[in-house]
N, C-alpha and C. Protein backbone atom coordinates (compact mmCIF):
# COMPACT_ATOMS: atom_id res chain seq x y z
N MET A 1 15.94 -19.95 -12.07
CA MET A 1 15.16 -18.49 -12.36
C MET A 1 15.27 -17.91 -11.15
N LEU A 2 15.19 -16.27 -11.26
CA LEU A 2 14.90 -15.55 -10.39
C LEU A 2 13.90 -14.74 -10.33
N LYS A 3 13.27 -14.87 -9.20
CA LYS A 3 12.36 -13.99 -8.61
C LYS A 3 12.61 -12.45 -8.36
N ALA A 4 12.16 -11.51 -9.30
CA ALA A 4 13.53 -10.54 -8.99
C ALA A 4 12.54 -8.96 -8.76
N ASP A 5 12.52 -8.58 -7.95
CA ASP A 5 11.68 -7.37 -7.45
C ASP A 5 12.86 -6.14 -7.72
N LEU A 6 12.40 -5.65 -9.47
CA LEU A 6 13.62 -4.67 -9.83
C LEU A 6 12.88 -3.29 -9.26
N HIS A 7 12.48 -3.04 -7.81
CA HIS A 7 12.25 -1.61 -7.83
C HIS A 7 11.80 -1.83 -6.23
N ILE A 8 12.74 -1.34 -5.26
CA ILE A 8 12.75 -1.04 -3.94
C ILE A 8 13.34 -0.33 -3.19
N HIS A 9 12.58 0.14 -1.78
CA HIS A 9 13.81 1.22 -1.45
C HIS A 9 13.88 0.66 0.31
N THR A 10 15.15 1.41 0.81
CA THR A 10 15.56 0.94 1.95
C THR A 10 15.58 1.97 3.20
N CYS A 11 15.77 2.35 4.24
CA CYS A 11 15.94 3.40 4.85
C CYS A 11 17.01 4.50 4.67
N TYR A 12 17.39 4.30 3.51
CA TYR A 12 18.35 5.08 2.88
C TYR A 12 17.78 6.05 2.55
N SER A 13 16.55 5.60 1.80
CA SER A 13 15.50 6.69 1.10
C SER A 13 14.67 7.39 2.13
N PRO A 14 14.53 8.78 2.07
CA PRO A 14 13.83 9.86 3.15
C PRO A 14 12.42 9.35 3.25
N ASP A 15 12.07 8.52 2.39
CA ASP A 15 10.29 8.38 2.75
C ASP A 15 10.32 6.80 3.10
N SER A 16 11.64 5.64 3.62
CA SER A 16 11.45 4.52 3.88
C SER A 16 12.44 4.28 5.19
N ASN A 17 11.61 3.32 5.87
CA ASN A 17 12.06 2.55 7.39
C ASN A 17 12.94 1.50 6.87
N ASN A 18 13.03 0.92 5.82
CA ASN A 18 13.21 -0.38 5.68
C ASN A 18 14.55 -0.82 5.93
N SER A 19 15.08 -1.80 6.96
CA SER A 19 16.14 -1.69 7.21
C SER A 19 16.54 -3.06 6.60
N LEU A 20 17.94 -2.84 6.25
CA LEU A 20 18.69 -3.86 5.55
C LEU A 20 18.23 -5.47 5.66
N ASP A 21 18.40 -5.64 7.28
CA ASP A 21 18.03 -7.26 7.84
C ASP A 21 16.75 -7.66 7.77
N ASP A 22 15.81 -6.54 7.59
CA ASP A 22 14.61 -6.46 7.71
C ASP A 22 14.24 -7.02 6.04
N ILE A 23 14.79 -6.51 5.09
CA ILE A 23 14.90 -6.56 4.00
C ILE A 23 15.08 -8.10 3.27
N ILE A 24 16.49 -8.20 4.00
CA ILE A 24 16.81 -9.65 3.81
C ILE A 24 15.54 -11.06 4.17
N LYS A 25 15.53 -10.46 5.67
CA LYS A 25 14.22 -11.57 5.99
C LYS A 25 13.18 -11.73 5.42
N ARG A 26 12.54 -10.75 4.63
CA ARG A 26 11.55 -10.71 3.72
C ARG A 26 11.60 -11.60 2.77
N CYS A 27 12.64 -10.85 2.11
CA CYS A 27 12.94 -11.73 0.52
C CYS A 27 12.94 -13.31 0.62
N LEU A 28 13.64 -13.84 1.63
CA LEU A 28 14.30 -14.98 2.10
C LEU A 28 12.66 -15.59 2.28
N LYS A 29 11.55 -15.40 3.05
CA LYS A 29 10.00 -15.62 3.47
C LYS A 29 9.55 -15.87 2.50
N ILE A 30 9.82 -15.01 1.30
CA ILE A 30 8.74 -14.99 0.42
C ILE A 30 9.42 -15.53 -1.33
N GLY A 31 10.75 -15.89 -1.20
CA GLY A 31 11.48 -16.24 -2.43
C GLY A 31 12.11 -15.52 -3.44
N ILE A 32 11.99 -14.12 -2.86
CA ILE A 32 12.67 -13.42 -3.70
C ILE A 32 14.24 -13.43 -3.48
N ASN A 33 14.81 -13.06 -5.12
CA ASN A 33 16.27 -13.40 -5.20
C ASN A 33 17.02 -12.58 -5.45
N CYS A 34 16.24 -11.66 -5.80
CA CYS A 34 17.27 -10.68 -6.60
C CYS A 34 16.51 -9.04 -6.42
N LEU A 35 17.17 -7.99 -6.27
CA LEU A 35 16.14 -6.98 -5.98
C LEU A 35 17.16 -6.42 -7.07
N ALA A 36 16.86 -4.77 -7.14
CA ALA A 36 16.87 -3.69 -7.35
C ALA A 36 16.62 -2.39 -6.69
N VAL A 37 17.59 -2.21 -6.22
CA VAL A 37 17.52 -1.21 -4.93
C VAL A 37 18.18 0.16 -5.42
N CYS A 38 16.50 1.01 -5.27
CA CYS A 38 17.01 2.02 -5.91
C CYS A 38 16.58 3.57 -5.02
N ASP A 39 17.37 3.75 -4.19
CA ASP A 39 17.03 4.71 -3.10
C ASP A 39 16.65 6.18 -3.72
N HIS A 40 16.44 7.17 -3.19
CA HIS A 40 16.30 8.39 -3.61
C HIS A 40 17.38 9.14 -3.73
N GLY A 41 18.08 9.41 -4.62
CA GLY A 41 19.00 10.41 -4.23
C GLY A 41 20.21 9.74 -3.96
N THR A 42 20.41 8.48 -3.57
CA THR A 42 21.82 7.53 -2.95
C THR A 42 22.02 6.34 -3.20
N THR A 43 22.80 5.75 -3.33
CA THR A 43 23.39 4.63 -3.85
C THR A 43 23.63 3.71 -2.45
N GLU A 44 24.25 4.28 -1.45
CA GLU A 44 24.73 4.04 -0.30
C GLU A 44 23.85 3.01 0.40
N GLY A 45 22.68 2.56 0.56
CA GLY A 45 21.93 1.46 0.96
C GLY A 45 22.13 0.17 0.36
N ALA A 46 22.11 0.33 -1.23
CA ALA A 46 22.19 -0.69 -2.37
C ALA A 46 23.59 -1.07 -2.07
N LEU A 47 24.73 0.00 -1.78
CA LEU A 47 26.23 -1.00 -2.12
C LEU A 47 26.11 -1.87 -0.65
N LYS A 48 25.99 -1.48 0.76
CA LYS A 48 25.76 -1.62 1.82
C LYS A 48 24.97 -3.16 1.61
N LEU A 49 23.77 -2.94 1.05
CA LEU A 49 22.88 -4.91 1.00
C LEU A 49 23.76 -5.47 0.21
N GLN A 50 24.48 -5.07 -0.96
CA GLN A 50 25.00 -5.88 -1.81
C GLN A 50 26.13 -6.89 -1.11
N LYS A 51 26.77 -6.05 -0.06
CA LYS A 51 27.50 -6.72 0.38
C LYS A 51 27.52 -8.00 1.54
N ILE A 52 26.02 -7.55 1.88
CA ILE A 52 25.67 -8.73 3.06
C ILE A 52 24.74 -9.66 2.46
N ALA A 53 23.71 -9.22 1.48
CA ALA A 53 22.27 -10.17 1.12
C ALA A 53 23.11 -11.60 0.36
N PRO A 54 22.71 -12.53 1.20
CA PRO A 54 22.67 -13.90 0.03
C PRO A 54 22.15 -13.77 -1.04
N PHE A 55 22.06 -13.22 -2.01
CA PHE A 55 20.90 -13.15 -3.27
C PHE A 55 21.79 -11.78 -4.12
N LYS A 56 21.24 -11.93 -4.87
CA LYS A 56 21.92 -10.88 -5.92
C LYS A 56 20.84 -9.21 -5.80
N ILE A 57 21.88 -8.51 -6.02
CA ILE A 57 21.74 -7.08 -5.61
C ILE A 57 22.22 -6.33 -6.66
N ILE A 58 21.07 -5.84 -7.73
CA ILE A 58 21.50 -4.46 -8.48
C ILE A 58 21.57 -3.11 -7.83
N VAL A 59 22.85 -2.60 -8.14
CA VAL A 59 22.86 -1.44 -7.15
C VAL A 59 22.35 -0.13 -8.44
N ALA A 60 21.22 0.70 -8.05
CA ALA A 60 20.82 1.48 -8.52
C ALA A 60 20.13 2.65 -7.92
N GLU A 61 19.41 3.63 -8.38
CA GLU A 61 19.44 4.73 -7.88
C GLU A 61 17.94 5.71 -8.55
N GLU A 62 17.22 6.57 -7.89
CA GLU A 62 16.36 7.07 -8.39
C GLU A 62 16.97 8.20 -8.55
N ILE A 63 17.16 9.23 -9.46
CA ILE A 63 17.82 10.24 -9.73
C ILE A 63 16.69 11.00 -10.14
N LEU A 64 16.23 12.26 -9.19
CA LEU A 64 15.67 13.42 -9.64
C LEU A 64 15.84 14.16 -10.52
N THR A 65 15.03 14.72 -11.62
CA THR A 65 15.65 15.78 -12.73
C THR A 65 14.52 16.36 -12.82
N PRO A 66 14.50 18.18 -13.44
CA PRO A 66 13.30 18.94 -13.37
C PRO A 66 12.05 17.90 -14.49
N HIS A 67 12.21 17.00 -14.65
CA HIS A 67 11.09 16.32 -15.14
C HIS A 67 10.70 15.26 -15.11
N GLY A 68 11.67 14.60 -14.05
CA GLY A 68 11.05 13.19 -13.32
C GLY A 68 12.00 12.40 -13.09
N GLU A 69 11.65 11.36 -12.32
CA GLU A 69 12.45 10.69 -11.85
C GLU A 69 13.37 9.65 -13.05
N ILE A 70 14.82 9.31 -13.30
CA ILE A 70 15.24 8.27 -14.00
C ILE A 70 16.06 7.33 -13.13
N MET A 71 15.83 6.43 -13.37
CA MET A 71 16.62 5.22 -12.62
C MET A 71 18.10 4.74 -13.17
N GLY A 72 18.74 4.93 -12.47
CA GLY A 72 20.44 4.27 -12.99
C GLY A 72 20.16 2.62 -12.66
N MET A 73 20.66 2.28 -13.09
CA MET A 73 20.96 0.74 -12.61
C MET A 73 22.24 0.01 -12.81
N PHE A 74 22.90 -0.76 -12.27
CA PHE A 74 24.43 -1.48 -12.30
C PHE A 74 25.39 0.24 -11.97
N LEU A 75 24.88 0.77 -11.14
CA LEU A 75 25.46 2.37 -10.68
C LEU A 75 26.54 1.97 -10.00
N LYS A 76 27.80 2.45 -9.78
CA LYS A 76 29.21 2.19 -8.82
C LYS A 76 28.60 2.98 -7.81
N GLU A 77 28.57 4.61 -7.90
CA GLU A 77 28.42 5.30 -6.79
C GLU A 77 27.03 6.45 -7.32
N THR A 78 27.26 7.31 -6.05
CA THR A 78 25.63 8.07 -6.22
C THR A 78 26.04 9.09 -7.34
N ILE A 79 24.73 9.37 -7.97
CA ILE A 79 24.80 10.57 -9.19
C ILE A 79 23.88 11.84 -8.38
N PRO A 80 23.88 12.90 -8.59
CA PRO A 80 23.27 13.63 -7.71
C PRO A 80 22.25 14.34 -8.30
N GLY A 81 21.05 14.69 -7.66
CA GLY A 81 19.98 15.30 -8.45
C GLY A 81 19.76 16.61 -8.81
N GLY A 82 18.53 17.01 -9.05
CA GLY A 82 18.84 18.62 -9.61
C GLY A 82 19.19 18.34 -10.87
N ILE A 83 19.98 17.76 -11.44
CA ILE A 83 20.82 17.62 -12.94
C ILE A 83 19.48 17.35 -14.10
N THR A 84 20.00 17.86 -15.21
CA THR A 84 19.04 17.71 -16.32
C THR A 84 19.00 15.96 -16.59
N PRO A 85 18.00 15.59 -17.19
CA PRO A 85 17.59 14.31 -17.42
C PRO A 85 18.94 13.81 -18.39
N GLN A 86 19.08 14.75 -19.71
CA GLN A 86 20.25 14.62 -20.45
C GLN A 86 21.72 14.02 -19.46
N GLU A 87 22.20 15.15 -18.42
CA GLU A 87 23.04 15.03 -17.56
C GLU A 87 22.72 14.18 -16.58
N ALA A 88 21.78 13.42 -16.12
CA ALA A 88 21.31 12.10 -15.47
C ALA A 88 22.21 11.00 -16.62
N ILE A 89 21.36 11.23 -17.63
CA ILE A 89 21.58 9.67 -18.82
C ILE A 89 23.44 9.63 -18.78
N LYS A 90 23.99 11.04 -19.00
CA LYS A 90 25.33 10.88 -19.46
C LYS A 90 26.00 10.64 -18.28
N ARG A 91 25.51 10.58 -16.71
CA ARG A 91 26.47 10.12 -15.77
C ARG A 91 26.34 8.43 -15.79
N ILE A 92 24.91 8.09 -15.83
CA ILE A 92 24.62 6.80 -16.04
C ILE A 92 25.51 6.12 -16.66
N ARG A 93 25.58 6.67 -18.24
CA ARG A 93 26.59 5.96 -19.21
C ARG A 93 28.27 5.92 -18.50
N GLU A 94 28.54 6.75 -18.11
CA GLU A 94 30.06 6.97 -17.62
C GLU A 94 30.13 5.92 -16.85
N GLN A 95 29.31 5.47 -15.42
CA GLN A 95 29.18 4.42 -15.10
C GLN A 95 29.16 2.49 -15.56
N ASP A 96 28.55 2.81 -16.83
CA ASP A 96 28.47 1.70 -17.41
C ASP A 96 26.96 1.05 -17.53
N GLY A 97 26.10 2.23 -17.14
CA GLY A 97 24.99 1.69 -16.27
C GLY A 97 23.92 1.69 -16.90
N VAL A 98 22.68 1.43 -16.85
CA VAL A 98 21.50 1.19 -17.48
C VAL A 98 20.86 2.16 -17.38
N VAL A 99 19.47 2.21 -18.11
CA VAL A 99 18.64 3.60 -17.97
C VAL A 99 17.59 3.10 -18.34
N CYS A 100 16.87 3.29 -16.87
CA CYS A 100 14.96 3.10 -16.76
C CYS A 100 14.58 3.75 -16.34
N ILE A 101 12.71 4.17 -16.93
CA ILE A 101 12.38 4.78 -16.16
C ILE A 101 11.18 4.33 -15.23
N PRO A 102 11.29 4.73 -14.14
CA PRO A 102 10.30 3.95 -13.23
C PRO A 102 8.94 4.83 -13.36
N HIS A 103 7.91 4.31 -13.22
CA HIS A 103 6.55 4.60 -13.17
C HIS A 103 6.29 6.07 -13.95
N PRO A 104 6.83 5.81 -15.24
CA PRO A 104 5.99 6.33 -16.43
C PRO A 104 4.68 7.00 -16.17
N PHE A 105 3.89 8.14 -17.02
CA PHE A 105 2.68 8.87 -16.87
C PHE A 105 1.80 8.88 -15.89
N ASP A 106 2.04 8.50 -14.95
CA ASP A 106 1.64 8.20 -13.51
C ASP A 106 1.05 10.02 -12.89
N LYS A 107 -0.02 9.99 -13.49
CA LYS A 107 -0.17 11.19 -13.30
C LYS A 107 -0.50 11.88 -11.53
N TYR A 108 -0.44 10.97 -10.71
CA TYR A 108 -0.40 11.14 -9.24
C TYR A 108 0.87 11.52 -8.52
N ARG A 109 1.70 11.63 -10.15
CA ARG A 109 3.06 11.54 -9.11
C ARG A 109 3.89 12.54 -9.93
N SER A 110 4.43 13.75 -9.25
CA SER A 110 5.23 15.09 -9.85
C SER A 110 6.52 14.59 -10.10
N SER A 111 6.83 13.43 -9.51
CA SER A 111 8.25 12.69 -9.80
C SER A 111 8.34 11.79 -11.18
N ALA A 112 7.12 11.40 -12.37
CA ALA A 112 6.92 10.76 -13.09
C ALA A 112 6.99 11.13 -14.47
N PHE A 113 8.18 11.03 -15.48
CA PHE A 113 8.05 11.66 -16.50
C PHE A 113 6.69 11.08 -17.24
N GLN A 114 6.21 12.43 -18.36
CA GLN A 114 5.15 12.22 -19.25
C GLN A 114 5.50 13.11 -20.34
N GLY A 115 4.47 12.57 -21.74
CA GLY A 115 4.31 13.69 -22.76
C GLY A 115 5.61 13.49 -23.37
N ILE A 116 5.86 15.47 -23.55
CA ILE A 116 6.87 15.62 -24.44
C ILE A 116 8.21 15.44 -23.72
N ASN A 117 8.75 15.37 -22.26
CA ASN A 117 9.37 15.16 -21.69
C ASN A 117 9.87 13.91 -22.33
N LEU A 118 9.21 12.81 -21.75
CA LEU A 118 9.63 11.46 -22.22
C LEU A 118 10.09 11.46 -23.44
N GLU A 119 8.78 11.95 -24.85
CA GLU A 119 9.64 11.72 -25.80
C GLU A 119 10.94 12.12 -26.16
N ALA A 120 11.31 13.08 -25.82
CA ALA A 120 12.82 13.67 -25.59
C ALA A 120 13.89 12.88 -25.57
N ILE A 121 13.44 11.85 -24.54
CA ILE A 121 14.37 11.28 -23.95
C ILE A 121 14.74 9.86 -24.72
N LYS A 122 13.43 9.31 -25.45
CA LYS A 122 13.49 7.95 -25.27
C LYS A 122 14.28 7.29 -26.10
N GLN A 123 15.28 7.78 -26.93
CA GLN A 123 16.71 7.26 -27.68
C GLN A 123 17.18 6.83 -27.10
N ASP A 124 17.75 7.23 -25.69
CA ASP A 124 18.41 7.00 -24.47
C ASP A 124 17.74 6.45 -23.58
N ILE A 125 16.69 5.50 -23.40
CA ILE A 125 16.10 4.48 -22.54
C ILE A 125 16.45 3.14 -22.71
N ASP A 126 16.77 2.55 -21.82
CA ASP A 126 16.81 1.15 -21.77
C ASP A 126 15.79 0.38 -21.51
N ILE A 127 15.02 0.68 -20.52
CA ILE A 127 14.25 0.05 -20.03
C ILE A 127 12.93 0.92 -19.37
N ILE A 128 11.72 0.73 -19.80
CA ILE A 128 10.10 0.92 -19.17
C ILE A 128 9.83 0.27 -18.26
N GLU A 129 9.63 0.75 -17.18
CA GLU A 129 8.89 -0.11 -15.96
C GLU A 129 7.27 0.00 -16.58
N VAL A 130 7.05 -1.15 -16.63
CA VAL A 130 5.60 -1.18 -17.31
C VAL A 130 4.84 -1.43 -16.27
N HIS A 131 5.00 -2.32 -15.23
CA HIS A 131 4.47 -2.38 -13.63
C HIS A 131 5.11 -1.64 -12.85
N ASN A 132 4.13 -0.80 -12.12
CA ASN A 132 4.96 -0.14 -10.56
C ASN A 132 3.74 -0.37 -9.41
N GLY A 133 3.99 -1.30 -8.51
CA GLY A 133 2.86 -2.26 -7.37
C GLY A 133 2.40 -0.18 -6.63
N ARG A 134 2.73 0.41 -6.61
CA ARG A 134 2.43 1.83 -6.40
C ARG A 134 1.81 2.40 -7.18
N THR A 135 1.33 2.46 -8.15
CA THR A 135 0.68 2.78 -9.41
C THR A 135 -1.11 2.55 -8.59
N LEU A 136 -1.39 3.42 -8.76
CA LEU A 136 -3.38 3.72 -8.13
C LEU A 136 -3.86 2.83 -9.20
N ALA A 137 -5.00 2.32 -9.04
CA ALA A 137 -5.53 1.21 -9.44
C ALA A 137 -6.41 2.11 -10.45
N PHE A 138 -6.93 3.09 -10.10
CA PHE A 138 -8.22 3.72 -11.13
C PHE A 138 -7.86 4.63 -12.11
N GLN A 139 -5.95 4.32 -12.43
CA GLN A 139 -5.80 5.31 -13.80
C GLN A 139 -5.17 4.32 -14.63
N ASP A 140 -5.10 4.73 -16.03
CA ASP A 140 -5.06 4.09 -17.02
C ASP A 140 -3.15 3.55 -16.92
N ARG A 141 -3.06 2.64 -16.65
CA ARG A 141 -1.93 1.84 -16.53
C ARG A 141 -1.32 1.02 -17.73
N SER A 142 -2.17 1.01 -18.41
CA SER A 142 -1.09 0.61 -19.94
C SER A 142 -0.72 1.61 -20.84
N GLN A 143 -0.60 3.04 -20.44
CA GLN A 143 0.51 3.49 -21.25
C GLN A 143 1.86 3.44 -21.45
N ALA A 144 2.68 3.24 -20.12
CA ALA A 144 3.74 2.91 -19.96
C ALA A 144 3.94 1.26 -20.81
N LEU A 145 3.35 0.44 -20.79
CA LEU A 145 3.38 -1.12 -21.87
C LEU A 145 3.10 -0.38 -23.38
N LYS A 146 2.42 0.42 -23.86
CA LYS A 146 2.25 0.58 -24.79
C LYS A 146 3.55 1.87 -25.32
N PHE A 147 3.71 1.88 -24.55
CA PHE A 147 4.78 3.07 -25.28
C PHE A 147 6.36 2.49 -25.54
N ALA A 148 6.40 1.42 -24.07
CA ALA A 148 7.55 0.52 -24.32
C ALA A 148 7.20 -0.13 -25.89
N ILE A 149 6.17 -1.24 -25.99
CA ILE A 149 6.36 -1.40 -27.34
C ILE A 149 6.47 -1.07 -28.61
N ARG A 150 5.97 0.37 -28.59
CA ARG A 150 6.11 1.59 -29.65
C ARG A 150 7.58 1.86 -29.93
N ASN A 151 8.27 1.78 -29.13
CA ASN A 151 9.64 2.25 -29.22
C ASN A 151 10.39 1.39 -28.93
N ASN A 152 9.94 0.04 -29.16
CA ASN A 152 11.11 -1.43 -28.85
C ASN A 152 11.77 -0.99 -27.56
N LEU A 153 11.33 -1.13 -26.51
CA LEU A 153 11.83 -0.77 -24.88
C LEU A 153 11.59 -1.99 -24.31
N ARG A 154 12.92 -2.76 -23.50
CA ARG A 154 12.80 -3.59 -22.79
C ARG A 154 12.00 -2.74 -21.31
N GLN A 155 11.07 -4.29 -20.35
CA GLN A 155 9.87 -4.00 -20.01
C GLN A 155 10.35 -4.47 -18.62
N SER A 156 10.26 -3.94 -17.43
CA SER A 156 10.41 -4.31 -15.95
C SER A 156 8.79 -3.68 -15.03
N ALA A 157 9.18 -4.46 -13.98
CA ALA A 157 8.43 -4.40 -12.97
C ALA A 157 9.14 -4.64 -11.39
N GLY A 158 8.47 -3.62 -10.77
CA GLY A 158 8.47 -3.48 -9.03
C GLY A 158 7.53 -3.34 -8.29
N SER A 159 8.10 -3.46 -6.93
CA SER A 159 6.95 -3.30 -6.23
C SER A 159 6.63 -1.64 -5.76
N ASP A 160 8.13 -0.97 -6.21
CA ASP A 160 8.30 0.61 -5.82
C ASP A 160 8.43 0.24 -3.74
N ALA A 161 8.75 -0.64 -3.32
CA ALA A 161 8.43 -0.97 -1.49
C ALA A 161 9.12 0.07 -0.93
N HIS A 162 8.32 0.82 -0.13
CA HIS A 162 8.85 1.70 1.03
C HIS A 162 8.50 0.80 2.00
N SER A 163 7.95 -0.30 2.34
CA SER A 163 7.74 -0.51 3.77
C SER A 163 7.66 -2.30 3.45
N ILE A 164 8.39 -2.99 4.37
CA ILE A 164 8.66 -4.28 4.30
C ILE A 164 7.62 -5.26 3.21
N SER A 165 6.36 -5.01 3.74
CA SER A 165 4.98 -5.96 3.78
C SER A 165 4.87 -5.80 1.86
N GLU A 166 5.36 -4.71 1.31
CA GLU A 166 5.42 -4.36 -0.10
C GLU A 166 6.23 -5.36 -1.02
N ILE A 167 7.23 -5.41 -0.47
CA ILE A 167 8.28 -6.41 -1.46
C ILE A 167 7.63 -7.69 -1.69
N GLY A 168 8.16 -7.57 -3.30
CA GLY A 168 7.46 -8.61 -3.97
C GLY A 168 6.15 -8.63 -4.33
N VAL A 169 5.48 -7.63 -4.22
CA VAL A 169 4.02 -7.46 -4.62
C VAL A 169 3.87 -7.67 -6.39
N SER A 170 5.27 -6.93 -6.73
CA SER A 170 5.17 -7.21 -8.11
C SER A 170 6.67 -7.50 -8.57
N SER A 171 6.55 -8.55 -9.61
CA SER A 171 8.12 -9.25 -9.88
C SER A 171 8.17 -9.57 -10.94
N ILE A 172 9.04 -10.29 -11.20
CA ILE A 172 9.62 -10.67 -12.66
C ILE A 172 10.33 -12.11 -12.47
N GLU A 173 9.75 -13.07 -13.54
CA GLU A 173 10.63 -14.03 -13.39
C GLU A 173 11.55 -14.12 -14.48
N MET A 174 12.49 -14.16 -14.23
CA MET A 174 13.54 -14.32 -15.23
C MET A 174 14.70 -15.12 -15.19
N PRO A 175 15.39 -15.72 -16.23
CA PRO A 175 16.75 -16.42 -16.05
C PRO A 175 17.66 -15.39 -15.16
N ASP A 176 18.51 -16.18 -14.41
CA ASP A 176 19.88 -15.88 -13.85
C ASP A 176 21.08 -15.40 -14.66
N PHE A 177 21.48 -13.81 -14.10
CA PHE A 177 22.47 -13.55 -15.38
C PHE A 177 23.70 -13.03 -13.94
N THR A 178 24.90 -12.70 -14.84
CA THR A 178 26.00 -12.20 -14.29
C THR A 178 26.26 -10.92 -14.12
N VAL A 179 26.50 -10.30 -15.42
CA VAL A 179 26.53 -8.94 -15.88
C VAL A 179 25.41 -8.34 -16.52
N LYS A 180 25.70 -6.81 -16.77
CA LYS A 180 24.91 -6.01 -17.51
C LYS A 180 24.01 -6.48 -18.85
N GLU A 181 24.75 -6.88 -19.25
CA GLU A 181 24.22 -7.64 -20.91
C GLU A 181 23.64 -8.42 -20.73
N GLU A 182 23.74 -9.74 -19.72
CA GLU A 182 22.99 -10.75 -19.64
C GLU A 182 21.75 -10.06 -18.82
N PHE A 183 21.63 -9.56 -18.30
CA PHE A 183 20.46 -8.78 -17.17
C PHE A 183 19.60 -8.19 -18.47
N LEU A 184 20.13 -7.97 -19.67
CA LEU A 184 19.27 -6.97 -20.31
C LEU A 184 18.47 -8.28 -21.57
N SER A 185 19.75 -9.18 -21.39
CA SER A 185 19.02 -10.19 -22.46
C SER A 185 17.88 -11.03 -21.41
N ALA A 186 17.97 -11.70 -20.16
CA ALA A 186 17.04 -12.23 -19.04
C ALA A 186 15.74 -11.36 -18.99
N LEU A 187 15.74 -9.94 -19.00
CA LEU A 187 14.83 -9.26 -19.13
C LEU A 187 13.58 -9.50 -20.45
N ASP A 188 14.29 -9.84 -21.64
CA ASP A 188 13.53 -10.28 -22.82
C ASP A 188 12.91 -11.54 -22.45
N GLU A 189 13.78 -12.47 -21.59
CA GLU A 189 12.85 -13.68 -21.33
C GLU A 189 11.87 -13.52 -19.77
N GLY A 190 11.95 -12.17 -19.29
CA GLY A 190 11.04 -12.27 -18.03
C GLY A 190 9.45 -12.32 -18.52
N LYS A 191 9.00 -12.85 -17.17
CA LYS A 191 7.63 -13.12 -17.16
C LYS A 191 6.90 -12.30 -15.98
N ILE A 192 6.46 -11.28 -16.14
CA ILE A 192 5.86 -10.08 -15.44
C ILE A 192 4.43 -10.84 -14.40
N ASN A 193 4.78 -10.75 -13.13
CA ASN A 193 3.67 -10.89 -12.08
C ASN A 193 3.26 -9.47 -11.67
N ALA A 194 2.18 -8.83 -12.39
CA ALA A 194 1.43 -7.56 -11.83
C ALA A 194 0.66 -7.70 -11.09
N HIS A 195 1.14 -7.13 -9.61
CA HIS A 195 0.10 -6.82 -8.96
C HIS A 195 0.19 -5.78 -7.75
N SER A 196 -0.86 -5.16 -7.58
CA SER A 196 -0.30 -3.99 -6.52
C SER A 196 -0.70 -3.62 -5.11
N SER A 197 -0.07 -2.99 -4.32
CA SER A 197 -0.14 -2.67 -3.15
C SER A 197 -1.59 -1.80 -2.67
N SER A 198 -1.76 -1.80 -1.97
CA SER A 198 -3.19 -1.10 -0.86
C SER A 198 -2.63 0.48 -1.45
N PRO A 199 -3.48 1.50 -1.68
CA PRO A 199 -3.39 2.53 -1.83
C PRO A 199 -2.83 3.25 -0.67
N PHE A 200 -3.10 2.33 0.51
CA PHE A 200 -3.02 3.45 1.55
C PHE A 200 -1.58 3.19 2.08
N VAL A 201 -0.74 2.45 1.62
CA VAL A 201 1.26 2.34 1.59
C VAL A 201 2.03 3.63 1.53
N HIS A 202 0.93 4.93 0.62
CA HIS A 202 1.36 6.04 0.46
C HIS A 202 1.68 6.59 1.69
N LEU A 203 0.46 6.65 2.24
CA LEU A 203 0.66 7.32 3.65
C LEU A 203 1.55 6.90 4.64
N ILE A 204 2.22 5.60 4.29
CA ILE A 204 3.58 5.05 4.93
C ILE A 204 4.75 5.95 4.68
N SER A 205 4.56 6.18 3.55
CA SER A 205 6.04 7.24 2.91
C SER A 205 5.77 8.69 3.39
N VAL A 206 4.59 8.73 3.89
CA VAL A 206 4.23 10.40 3.83
C VAL A 206 4.96 9.92 5.48
N LYS A 207 4.10 9.69 6.31
CA LYS A 207 4.72 9.31 8.01
C LYS A 207 6.16 8.93 8.06
N ASN A 208 6.78 8.26 7.57
CA ASN A 208 8.63 7.99 7.41
C ASN A 208 9.18 9.51 6.97
N LYS A 209 8.71 9.70 5.94
CA LYS A 209 9.08 11.44 5.46
C LYS A 209 9.02 12.51 6.70
N LEU A 210 8.38 12.57 7.22
CA LEU A 210 7.62 13.49 8.59
C LEU A 210 8.49 12.86 9.70
N MET A 211 8.65 11.90 9.90
CA MET A 211 9.12 11.44 11.35
C MET A 211 10.91 11.92 10.94
N LYS A 212 11.68 11.38 10.16
CA LYS A 212 12.74 11.44 9.82
C LYS A 212 13.29 13.00 9.57
N ARG A 213 12.42 13.88 8.72
CA ARG A 213 12.48 15.70 9.10
C ARG A 213 12.31 16.12 10.64
N PHE A 214 11.81 15.52 11.37
CA PHE A 214 11.48 16.09 12.77
C PHE A 214 12.34 15.58 13.74
N ARG A 215 13.20 14.52 13.13
CA ARG A 215 13.68 13.26 14.17
C ARG A 215 15.08 14.17 14.72
């Protein structure tokens, strides 16, 4: 069985300083043996980590569209941001990738898909992230799960770690897999361990972004 965190960031994201070596050390320490590395606007960190990590790495990316972020999984190269949701999905499919919607309905994130924008692409979605470790606890966090069930979509979870200590906060225990199709089937058998990080972790992201901007 795998213990997977299906949403983490590396220092290749503008708001994270997670080095690749520190990510590996943290995962080995806490027993995480599968990661979906989905930096903002790039697959560079994920591709590099895939070459050196002693465990399974899914190359992913959070692609920013005018209506919110779409996570492409099992990618081979970066997809540029600023394109429409439909174009992002098209480019993910061209790489034989998987379409996941991270942190939907999160009203405190401008990058979260909401309402009619999510409804408009629901037929093209493979996975809904039903638990995100950074989603603030005082909002309704059941909407994503209800949407997934209503539309018969697979469910995922991840820490959304932008700092090392967040990795593994939210995870999924699931069967091992080799290819994309096996991954999707394994998700069906997965058990989500849903926990949340302190809301103060968002300040770490702000600090990292400012430091990189003025560096």
